[in-house]
Amino acid sequence: MTAPSTRRSGLRPTLRLRLTLLNGVLLVGAGAILLLLAWLLVRDALAPAADLRPGTEVVLDDGTRLDADQWEDQLLAAAKWQLLVKGLLALLAVSVVGVVGAYLVAGRALRPLHQVTTTARHLGETTLDQRIGYAGTDDEVAELANTFDAMLDRIAAAFESQKRFVANASHELRTPLAVMRTEIDVTLADDTADVAEFRRMGAVVRDASERANGLVDALLVLARTEAQSGGGLDRRVETDLAGGAARALSAMRREIERIKVRVKTDLADAPVVGDPGLLDRLAGNLVENAVRYNHLHGTIWVSTGSDGVHSRLVVRNTGFEVDQADVPGLFEPFRRGGRERTGARGSGLGLSIVRAVCGAHGGTVDVIAQAGGGLEVTVTLPAAGAPIAATTDGRA
């Protein structure tokens, strides 16, 4: 797909033409001023008869006798005429050369702008790899070309990320739908299926539908939170991260008991101002990840606190080992710490939502891979009463 051409026929007030005209006006103006000054200097300085006695005559080469004053007038008139004619010819020549030179120099200087225009006109889904690659003088035009190339890099990266996101979301949604379709088809094709078999099929379909519903809900939360990161929160209510952490632990109580995870807490007051629903989701995702990516008889540490300027929520867990170099990738949607999509529980959107919520509340999230396995995730938000500046930067 290419952008429609905006080129119009006829003479247009292009930047090149305007620069050329400006240069021409300046040259003609400067030349005219110099010619006028020369005219005035000749008029005032050329007065040879001023030092002669009145009535003095001047004898020319041809023997003609002229009064000194008359001879001076003729000399001055001839000098003015010569100055005018030769000055105008010189001004015309300088103006023509200057305008043509300015047109050529402006065209060469603005060539990268035409490259920017051509590249932008041909940009499309399949041509995002095109770049200007300006290699000229390090000036403002080079800065513009390099900025445009950097913008294309960001757009291409965002486009690829979006394509991966759509593909992964499609895969995640297709899996539970395929499970439901398969269970229904197999059960209906079995003529000997009894009530117990239909109940088993119903349980499988219910679990698959809950998984699909949870994924859709997570996608909606992520989209809503990322939208608020740029335009401000819809709700600003004073709440406490300690309460959200406690509610998250309570919601995961059965899973904690099932895998016999030890929980150690230090929940001091951590007041913040923001959307309580999103902040509860943040704490819930961190605790849920700490439980689901733990091992049998593992440990979870959850602590909150505030220094008056920032409020913090720290969730640390034991579990499988993660390389610190792989930590930034955990914030990408559908990444599960080395286990992507198949064979892992959850939607893979937990840390993506955490980063988006932190950005919407003007905070940051830091993740440190623990020696021996597990992660330590620290969420830092402005404390209640401190200024809140929305940002989309979540550090890893």
Protein backbone atom coordinates (compact mmCIF):
# COMPACT_ATOMS: atom_id res chain seq x y z
CA MET A 1 0.00 0.00 0.00
CA THR A 2 1.40 3.36 -0.97
CA ALA A 3 0.29 6.81 0.00
CA PRO A 4 -1.41 8.83 -2.73
CA SER A 5 0.81 11.36 -4.44
CA THR A 6 0.35 14.96 -3.39
CA ARG A 7 2.42 16.37 -6.27
CA ARG A 8 0.53 19.09 -8.21
CA SER A 9 1.20 20.38 -11.68
CA GLY A 10 2.40 23.91 -12.29
CA LEU A 11 4.68 26.16 -10.31
CA ARG A 12 4.43 25.55 -6.58
CA PRO A 13 5.87 27.65 -3.75
CA THR A 14 8.30 24.90 -2.82
CA LEU A 15 10.96 25.36 -0.19
CA ARG A 16 13.64 25.23 -2.87
CA LEU A 17 11.92 27.97 -4.87
CA ARG A 18 11.41 30.13 -1.79
CA LEU A 19 15.05 29.78 -0.74
CA THR A 20 16.14 30.70 -4.27
CA LEU A 21 13.88 33.74 -4.40
CA LEU A 22 15.04 34.84 -0.97
CA ASN A 23 18.66 34.56 -2.03
CA GLY A 24 17.89 36.49 -5.23
CA VAL A 25 16.11 39.27 -3.36
CA LEU A 26 19.00 39.58 -0.92
CA LEU A 27 21.57 39.70 -3.72
CA VAL A 28 19.63 42.27 -5.77
CA GLY A 29 18.95 44.35 -2.67
CA ALA A 30 22.58 44.28 -1.56
CA GLY A 31 23.77 45.09 -5.09
CA ALA A 32 21.32 47.96 -5.43
CA ILE A 33 22.47 49.43 -2.13
CA LEU A 34 26.12 49.21 -3.20
CA LEU A 35 25.30 50.81 -6.56
CA LEU A 36 23.48 53.66 -4.83
CA LEU A 37 26.40 54.21 -2.46
CA ALA A 38 28.81 54.31 -5.40
CA TRP A 39 26.54 56.78 -7.15
CA LEU A 40 26.51 59.07 -4.13
CA LEU A 41 30.27 58.79 -3.62
CA VAL A 42 30.97 59.69 -7.24
CA ARG A 43 28.58 62.60 -7.09
CA ASP A 44 30.08 64.01 -3.90
CA ALA A 45 33.74 63.20 -4.50
CA LEU A 46 34.11 64.05 -8.20
CA ALA A 47 34.44 67.88 -8.00
CA PRO A 48 37.81 68.82 -9.56
CA ALA A 49 36.77 72.42 -10.34
CA ALA A 50 36.11 73.24 -6.71
CA ASP A 51 39.75 74.17 -6.15
CA LEU A 52 40.07 76.33 -9.30
CA ARG A 53 39.61 80.10 -9.47
CA PRO A 54 36.28 81.32 -10.89
CA GLY A 55 36.41 81.82 -14.64
CA THR A 56 39.14 79.25 -15.15
CA GLU A 57 39.02 77.53 -18.50
CA VAL A 58 40.01 73.98 -19.32
CA VAL A 59 41.65 73.10 -22.65
CA LEU A 60 40.76 69.62 -23.92
CA ASP A 61 42.92 67.43 -26.18
CA ASP A 62 41.02 68.57 -29.28
CA GLY A 63 41.71 72.21 -28.43
CA THR A 64 38.23 72.94 -27.19
CA ARG A 65 38.10 75.44 -24.34
CA LEU A 66 35.48 74.89 -21.66
CA ASP A 67 34.64 76.69 -18.47
CA ALA A 68 35.86 74.64 -15.51
CA ASP A 69 32.38 74.36 -14.06
CA GLN A 70 30.94 73.21 -17.41
CA TRP A 71 33.75 70.69 -17.81
CA GLU A 72 33.06 69.38 -14.30
CA ASP A 73 29.36 68.90 -15.09
CA GLN A 74 30.16 66.94 -18.25
CA LEU A 75 32.72 64.81 -16.41
CA LEU A 76 30.29 64.07 -13.59
CA ALA A 77 27.46 63.16 -15.99
CA ALA A 78 29.72 60.81 -17.94
CA ALA A 79 30.95 59.15 -14.76
CA LYS A 80 27.41 58.69 -13.46
CA TRP A 81 26.29 57.18 -16.75
CA GLN A 82 29.23 54.77 -16.87
CA LEU A 83 28.64 53.82 -13.25
CA LEU A 84 24.95 53.26 -13.86
CA VAL A 85 25.35 51.14 -16.99
CA LYS A 86 28.25 49.02 -15.77
CA GLY A 87 26.80 48.75 -12.28
CA LEU A 88 23.45 47.51 -13.58
CA LEU A 89 25.16 44.99 -15.85
CA ALA A 90 27.29 43.75 -12.97
CA LEU A 91 24.24 43.59 -10.70
CA LEU A 92 22.36 41.60 -13.34
CA ALA A 93 25.25 39.17 -13.79
CA VAL A 94 25.73 38.68 -10.04
CA SER A 95 21.98 38.20 -9.55
CA VAL A 96 21.71 35.60 -12.29
CA VAL A 97 24.74 33.67 -11.07
CA GLY A 98 23.56 33.96 -7.46
CA VAL A 99 20.02 32.79 -8.20
CA VAL A 100 21.15 29.85 -10.33
CA GLY A 101 23.76 28.91 -7.73
CA ALA A 102 21.24 29.21 -4.92
CA TYR A 103 18.78 27.01 -6.84
CA LEU A 104 21.41 24.31 -7.36
CA VAL A 105 22.76 24.49 -3.79
CA ALA A 106 19.25 24.45 -2.30
CA GLY A 107 18.36 21.47 -4.46
CA ARG A 108 21.40 19.56 -3.28
CA ALA A 109 20.81 20.50 0.35
CA LEU A 110 17.13 19.53 0.19
CA ARG A 111 17.73 16.25 -1.62
CA PRO A 112 17.33 14.24 1.63
CA LEU A 113 13.91 15.85 2.08
CA HIS A 114 12.87 14.45 -1.26
CA GLN A 115 14.21 11.08 -0.10
CA VAL A 116 12.07 11.40 3.04
CA THR A 117 9.03 12.21 0.91
CA THR A 118 9.68 9.35 -1.51
CA THR A 119 10.28 6.88 1.30
CA ALA A 120 7.15 7.99 3.18
CA ARG A 121 5.09 7.78 -0.04
CA HIS A 122 6.14 4.17 -0.62
CA LEU A 123 5.84 3.00 2.97
CA GLY A 124 3.46 0.14 3.54
CA GLU A 125 3.05 -3.13 5.37
CA THR A 126 5.67 -4.81 3.19
CA THR A 127 8.08 -1.88 2.85
CA LEU A 128 8.74 -0.88 6.46
CA ASP A 129 12.37 -1.94 5.97
CA GLN A 130 13.10 1.04 3.71
CA ARG A 131 15.40 3.72 5.14
CA ILE A 132 16.89 6.99 3.90
CA GLY A 133 20.42 6.18 4.97
CA TYR A 134 21.66 9.77 4.63
CA ALA A 135 25.45 9.94 4.48
CA GLY A 136 26.00 13.66 3.83
CA THR A 137 27.15 16.52 6.00
CA ASP A 138 26.23 16.36 9.67
CA ASP A 139 23.71 19.23 9.58
CA GLU A 140 20.02 19.83 10.27
CA VAL A 141 18.98 17.85 7.19
CA ALA A 142 21.06 14.90 8.35
CA GLU A 143 19.40 15.17 11.76
CA LEU A 144 15.97 15.10 10.11
CA ALA A 145 16.87 12.10 7.97
CA ASN A 146 18.29 10.20 10.95
CA THR A 147 15.24 11.06 13.04
CA PHE A 148 12.98 9.78 10.27
CA ASP A 149 14.96 6.53 10.07
CA ALA A 150 14.75 6.12 13.84
CA MET A 151 11.00 6.71 13.70
CA LEU A 152 10.70 4.01 11.02
CA ASP A 153 12.66 1.63 13.26
CA ARG A 154 10.19 2.23 16.08
CA ILE A 155 7.20 1.87 13.78
CA ALA A 156 8.56 -1.36 12.30
CA ALA A 157 9.24 -2.76 15.77
CA ALA A 158 5.77 -1.79 16.97
CA PHE A 159 4.19 -3.28 13.84
CA GLU A 160 6.05 -6.56 14.28
CA SER A 161 5.14 -6.62 17.95
CA GLN A 162 1.49 -6.02 17.05
CA LYS A 163 1.55 -8.84 14.51
CA ARG A 164 3.06 -11.19 17.08
CA PHE A 165 0.49 -10.08 19.62
CA VAL A 166 -2.40 -10.77 17.24
CA ALA A 167 -0.94 -14.14 16.24
CA ASN A 168 -0.39 -15.16 19.86
CA ALA A 169 -3.84 -13.95 20.92
CA SER A 170 -5.38 -15.92 18.07
CA HIS A 171 -3.46 -18.99 19.13
CA GLU A 172 -4.47 -18.59 22.77
CA LEU A 173 -8.13 -18.20 21.87
CA ARG A 174 -8.04 -21.00 19.30
CA THR A 175 -6.73 -23.54 21.82
CA PRO A 176 -9.72 -23.53 24.24
CA LEU A 177 -12.15 -23.27 21.33
CA ALA A 178 -10.52 -26.29 19.69
CA VAL A 179 -10.73 -28.20 22.97
CA MET A 180 -14.45 -27.43 23.29
CA ARG A 181 -15.12 -28.33 19.65
CA THR A 182 -13.22 -31.60 19.94
CA GLU A 183 -14.91 -32.65 23.19
CA ILE A 184 -18.36 -31.87 21.82
CA ASP A 185 -17.75 -33.66 18.50
CA VAL A 186 -16.26 -36.76 20.14
CA THR A 187 -19.02 -37.04 22.72
CA LEU A 188 -21.83 -36.51 20.21
CA ALA A 189 -20.31 -39.08 17.85
CA ASP A 190 -20.29 -41.71 20.61
CA ASP A 191 -23.66 -43.50 20.49
CA THR A 192 -22.94 -45.20 23.79
CA ALA A 193 -22.20 -41.98 25.68
CA ASP A 194 -24.11 -41.83 28.94
CA VAL A 195 -24.91 -39.06 31.40
CA ALA A 196 -21.54 -39.41 33.09
CA GLU A 197 -19.74 -38.91 29.76
CA PHE A 198 -21.81 -35.82 29.01
CA ARG A 199 -21.04 -34.47 32.47
CA ARG A 200 -17.33 -35.03 31.87
CA MET A 201 -17.62 -33.27 28.51
CA GLY A 202 -19.46 -30.40 30.15
CA ALA A 203 -16.73 -29.99 32.76
CA VAL A 204 -14.02 -29.89 30.09
CA VAL A 205 -16.00 -27.37 28.03
CA ARG A 206 -16.58 -25.23 31.12
CA ASP A 207 -12.86 -25.20 31.98
CA ALA A 208 -11.97 -24.29 28.39
CA SER A 209 -14.56 -21.52 28.30
CA GLU A 210 -13.24 -20.14 31.60
CA ARG A 211 -9.77 -20.07 30.11
CA ALA A 212 -11.01 -18.24 27.00
CA ASN A 213 -13.02 -15.84 29.14
CA GLY A 214 -9.99 -15.15 31.35
CA LEU A 215 -7.86 -14.42 28.28
CA VAL A 216 -10.44 -12.03 26.82
CA ASP A 217 -10.75 -10.30 30.19
CA ALA A 218 -6.96 -9.94 30.42
CA LEU A 219 -6.78 -8.52 26.89
CA LEU A 220 -9.48 -5.98 27.72
CA VAL A 221 -7.68 -4.95 30.92
CA LEU A 222 -4.39 -4.57 29.03
CA ALA A 223 -6.01 -2.48 26.29
CA ARG A 224 -7.86 -0.32 28.82
CA THR A 225 -4.74 0.23 30.92
CA GLU A 226 -2.50 1.09 27.98
CA ALA A 227 -5.11 3.57 26.75
CA GLN A 228 -5.13 5.28 30.16
CA SER A 229 -1.34 5.43 30.20
CA GLY A 230 -1.47 8.15 27.55
CA GLY A 231 -4.64 9.99 28.49
CA GLY A 232 -4.79 9.77 32.28
CA LEU A 233 -6.66 7.50 34.67
CA ASP A 234 -10.44 7.32 34.60
CA ARG A 235 -10.53 7.01 38.41
CA ARG A 236 -8.28 8.48 41.09
CA VAL A 237 -9.09 7.14 44.53
CA GLU A 238 -6.79 6.82 47.51
CA THR A 239 -6.13 3.15 48.19
CA ASP A 240 -3.51 0.97 49.87
CA LEU A 241 -1.22 -1.50 48.14
CA ALA A 242 -1.17 -3.56 51.34
CA GLY A 243 -4.91 -4.20 51.06
CA GLY A 244 -4.57 -5.26 47.43
CA ALA A 245 -1.76 -7.65 48.30
CA ALA A 246 -3.79 -9.18 51.12
CA ARG A 247 -6.80 -9.67 48.83
CA ALA A 248 -4.59 -11.23 46.17
CA LEU A 249 -3.16 -13.74 48.67
CA SER A 250 -6.67 -14.59 49.87
CA ALA A 251 -7.84 -15.22 46.30
CA MET A 252 -4.94 -17.63 45.71
CA ARG A 253 -5.36 -19.43 49.04
CA ARG A 254 -6.55 -22.74 47.54
CA GLU A 255 -3.76 -22.85 44.98
CA ILE A 256 -1.24 -21.98 47.70
CA GLU A 257 -2.53 -24.83 49.86
CA ARG A 258 -2.56 -27.22 46.89
CA ILE A 259 1.14 -26.85 46.11
CA LYS A 260 2.02 -26.24 49.79
CA VAL A 261 3.73 -22.89 49.26
CA ARG A 262 4.90 -21.00 52.35
CA VAL A 263 3.84 -17.36 52.42
CA LYS A 264 5.78 -14.70 54.32
CA THR A 265 4.31 -11.22 54.48
CA ASP A 266 5.28 -7.80 55.76
CA LEU A 267 2.35 -5.60 54.79
CA ALA A 268 2.94 -2.07 56.02
CA ASP A 269 0.80 0.85 54.87
CA ALA A 270 1.52 1.83 51.27
CA PRO A 271 -1.02 4.53 50.31
CA VAL A 272 -1.34 5.49 46.65
CA VAL A 273 -3.85 7.36 44.50
CA GLY A 274 -5.23 5.64 41.44
CA ASP A 275 -7.74 3.17 40.05
CA PRO A 276 -8.44 0.59 42.79
CA GLY A 277 -9.53 -2.05 40.27
CA LEU A 278 -6.32 -1.77 38.25
CA LEU A 279 -4.14 -1.71 41.37
CA ASP A 280 -5.88 -4.83 42.71
CA ARG A 281 -5.27 -6.47 39.33
CA LEU A 282 -1.60 -5.50 39.55
CA ALA A 283 -1.19 -7.10 42.97
CA GLY A 284 -3.26 -10.11 41.88
CA ASN A 285 -1.11 -10.74 38.81
CA LEU A 286 2.12 -10.55 40.80
CA VAL A 287 0.89 -12.94 43.49
CA GLU A 288 -0.65 -15.26 40.88
CA ASN A 289 2.63 -15.43 38.96
CA ALA A 290 4.58 -16.02 42.18
CA VAL A 291 2.34 -19.01 42.98
CA ARG A 292 1.96 -20.50 39.50
CA TYR A 293 5.65 -20.31 38.63
CA ASN A 294 6.76 -21.66 42.00
CA HIS A 295 7.54 -25.26 42.88
CA LEU A 296 6.17 -27.67 45.47
CA HIS A 297 6.93 -26.51 49.00
CA GLY A 298 8.31 -23.25 47.67
CA THR A 299 8.15 -19.83 49.32
CA ILE A 300 6.59 -16.46 48.53
CA TRP A 301 7.59 -13.18 50.16
CA VAL A 302 5.16 -10.26 49.88
CA SER A 303 5.90 -6.88 51.42
CA THR A 304 4.59 -3.33 51.13
CA GLY A 305 5.74 -0.01 52.51
CA SER A 306 6.10 3.70 51.90
CA ASP A 307 8.68 6.43 52.57
CA GLY A 308 6.19 9.27 52.08
CA VAL A 309 7.31 9.90 48.52
CA HIS A 310 6.98 6.43 47.00
CA SER A 311 4.92 3.40 47.94
CA ARG A 312 6.26 -0.04 47.07
CA LEU A 313 4.96 -3.54 46.60
CA VAL A 314 7.60 -6.30 46.49
CA VAL A 315 6.75 -9.89 45.55
CA ARG A 316 9.53 -12.49 45.61
CA ASN A 317 9.24 -16.20 44.98
CA THR A 318 11.23 -19.37 44.58
CA GLY A 319 10.86 -21.30 41.34
CA PHE A 320 12.66 -22.21 38.16
CA GLU A 321 15.77 -20.26 37.27
CA VAL A 322 15.53 -17.30 34.89
CA ASP A 323 18.47 -15.60 33.19
CA GLN A 324 18.57 -11.87 33.95
CA ALA A 325 19.07 -11.22 30.23
CA ASP A 326 15.65 -12.83 29.58
CA VAL A 327 13.86 -10.64 32.13
CA PRO A 328 12.87 -7.79 29.73
CA GLY A 329 11.15 -10.34 27.50
CA LEU A 330 8.87 -11.37 30.37
CA PHE A 331 6.99 -8.10 29.91
CA GLU A 332 6.05 -9.04 26.35
CA PRO A 333 2.51 -10.41 25.96
CA PHE A 334 2.17 -14.21 26.07
CA ARG A 335 5.67 -14.74 27.45
CA ARG A 336 5.92 -17.15 30.36
CA GLY A 337 9.55 -17.12 31.41
CA GLY A 338 10.90 -19.60 28.93
CA ARG A 339 7.61 -21.49 28.60
CA GLU A 340 5.52 -19.78 25.96
CA ARG A 341 1.85 -20.65 25.52
CA THR A 342 1.73 -24.47 25.34
CA GLY A 343 2.02 -26.35 28.58
CA ALA A 344 1.72 -23.42 30.99
CA ARG A 345 -1.18 -22.05 32.89
CA GLY A 346 -2.34 -18.46 32.66
CA SER A 347 -2.66 -16.11 29.72
CA GLY A 348 0.92 -14.86 29.65
CA LEU A 349 -0.30 -11.27 30.07
CA GLY A 350 0.41 -10.89 33.78
CA LEU A 351 3.56 -8.77 33.67
CA SER A 352 2.36 -6.91 30.57
CA ILE A 353 -0.65 -5.74 32.58
CA VAL A 354 1.57 -4.94 35.58
CA ARG A 355 3.81 -2.72 33.45
CA ALA A 356 0.82 -0.98 31.86
CA VAL A 357 -0.80 -0.33 35.27
CA CYS A 358 2.49 1.05 36.63
CA GLY A 359 2.82 3.34 33.62
CA ALA A 360 -0.74 4.60 34.01
CA HIS A 361 -0.02 5.47 37.66
CA GLY A 362 3.31 7.14 37.00
CA GLY A 363 5.34 4.31 38.51
CA THR A 364 7.92 1.73 37.54
CA VAL A 365 8.35 -2.02 37.84
CA ASP A 366 11.74 -3.67 38.35
CA VAL A 367 12.40 -7.40 38.06
CA ILE A 368 15.49 -9.16 39.37
CA ALA A 369 16.21 -12.82 38.65
CA GLN A 370 17.10 -14.62 41.88
CA ALA A 371 20.13 -16.87 42.16
CA GLY A 372 18.88 -20.41 42.44
CA GLY A 373 15.53 -19.62 40.82
CA GLY A 374 12.58 -17.29 41.12
CA LEU A 375 12.05 -13.57 40.64
CA GLU A 376 11.83 -10.46 42.78
CA VAL A 377 9.38 -7.93 41.37
CA THR A 378 9.31 -4.42 42.85
CA VAL A 379 6.51 -2.01 41.96
CA THR A 380 7.17 1.63 42.86
CA LEU A 381 4.32 4.16 42.68
CA PRO A 382 3.99 7.76 43.87
CA ALA A 383 2.68 7.78 47.42
CA ALA A 384 -0.65 9.44 48.18
CA GLY A 385 -0.04 13.18 48.20
CA ALA A 386 2.99 12.97 45.89
CA PRO A 387 2.65 14.24 42.29
CA ILE A 388 1.54 11.60 39.78
CA ALA A 389 2.96 11.80 36.26
CA ALA A 390 1.58 9.25 33.80
CA THR A 391 4.27 7.37 31.92
CA THR A 392 4.48 4.27 29.80
CA ASP A 393 7.99 3.34 30.86
CA GLY A 394 8.19 0.13 32.83
CA ARG A 395 11.75 -0.84 33.64
CA ALA A 396 12.82 -4.41 33.77
